[in-house]
Every structure is written in C-alpha cells, then in structure tokens.
Amino acid sequence: MGANAQTSVPAFVTGQILTAQQQTEINTGIPVFATSVERDAAFGGTGEKVLAEGQYAFLESTNQTLVYDGSSWLVVGASGLTLISSTTIGSAVASVTVSGAFSSTYENYKIMVSGGTASTGGLLALQLGATTTGYYASNIRYNYNGVAALAFDNNAASFTRIGWADTNGLNAAVELLSPELAKNTFMAGGIAVALTNNGAGPYHGFLNNTTQYTAFTLIAGTGTLTGGTIRVYGYANS
C-alpha cells in the first residue's frame, strides 16, 4: 500500500485522544485504499464510520476516485466505459485468473487482451469463475482468400473461445452481459486467426446458468502465454 493508504475510516468520540496515525488519516482528505476489498472493510465495523451516501474514496489499484450514492460506488467523472482492472500475464503460463473483475457497480463489461506472445499458435479460451460446463456459442469464420467459410460451435463446452494467440502476440475482445447478475451471461465478440489459410469472424453465445460471477480465467488453447495485458472495462449503467 502507498503512504496514504488506510484500512479503516474511524469514528471518533468526545474526549478521545488521537494518535499520530489517526491525525495523518484525517489530513489525507479523501480516504485512500489499496483496493476495493480494503475500502469495503473500512466502514461499519467497531469504531468505524457507517458508509453513507456522499462518501468519497480513492483506490490505488485503479487510480480512481469514487463516490457512494447510497447503494453502490460510482467513479467520479467516469465516461461510459471505465477501466476496472489491468492484469499483466506472467511468463510461460497456461492460464491467468482475474479476480474482482465483476461487481454490482456495472452490469455489462468488455475484456480486451493484447501484447505478449504464445509458445504455439492456438485459440484463447475464457471460463467464468470455476464453471467448466454449459458454454454455448457459435462462430463463423470467413477465410481471408474468399474460399468457403468455416463454422465452429460450443455445445455445453467447458469454455468459450474468444481470441487467438501465437508468437506474434495475443488478441481477444469480448463483451459480457450481466456476468455478476443472477441471470445467464451472454457474450459477443470476434476472432481473427493469424494464419493466412484461415480467417476471421464474429461469435456469440451464453453460459447456461444463473451464477453470479466476480472472476474469470483466460486459458491458452495450446502451449503457454508470456507477457501481454488483460484489461477489463465496465459500461456505465446510466
């Protein structure tokens, strides 16, 4: 955590002697937290302020200032699309899990993957939470040379395909509708395969359950991934 970060927002009582640390926390103005986890734990406990409408907070993890509207945290001055998280892929890994990607703050999300390399060429896959069944999707790929199109499908599969990875880099862009709600999660995007004898095209699908998800895993179809970035964006609800 940074020098200004704190883990509680104290509520003082009459006659209480304040410590130097408490004075420092007061002087920071808007309370600063490492992540939303520390922020959520800082209100409502013994000796802490009760979270109420109009409360501000700053998150080091996303460099965002937020305000509580009485039911959820809103990004101050946010545009329609807000960066939620940015995860750097490690070295020679078969999969990467992004936790805390989805919350009640947003209903719909966009995930983008770029940069890095893969040890071998293959499709990138996505799993929501720990669910490894019930993914339905279809993808029509139009060949670059104009020859007959290719059709692919997922029928109660263990993942959904969202992009391509090879020695030239990773590429994926998928939009998820209502992953954190108790509804089916719908997905839409496109796949561009970096092989001259293949092609590119749109895909659409859904996950056949009503589980509320907060995390997802990016999986290499074959081989391993090194480097690159997974960015998660939230669409403003209004």
Foldseek 3Di string as FASTA:
>chain_A
DDPQADQAAFDDDPPDDDDPVNVSNVVVPQHEHQAVVSVVRHADDVRGHHDAFQHWYAYPQQRFIWGDHGPDIDTPPDDQKAWDHKDKDAAFAFKDKDFQQDDPQFFKKKKKWKFFAFAAKDFKWKDFDQQQWQKWKKKWFQAPVRPDIDIDIDDRGGTGTFEIGHGVMTTGMKMWGGQQFQDKIKMKDKYAGPDNGTGITIMIIIGPGRHGTRMMMMGGPDTGIHTIMMIMMGGGPD
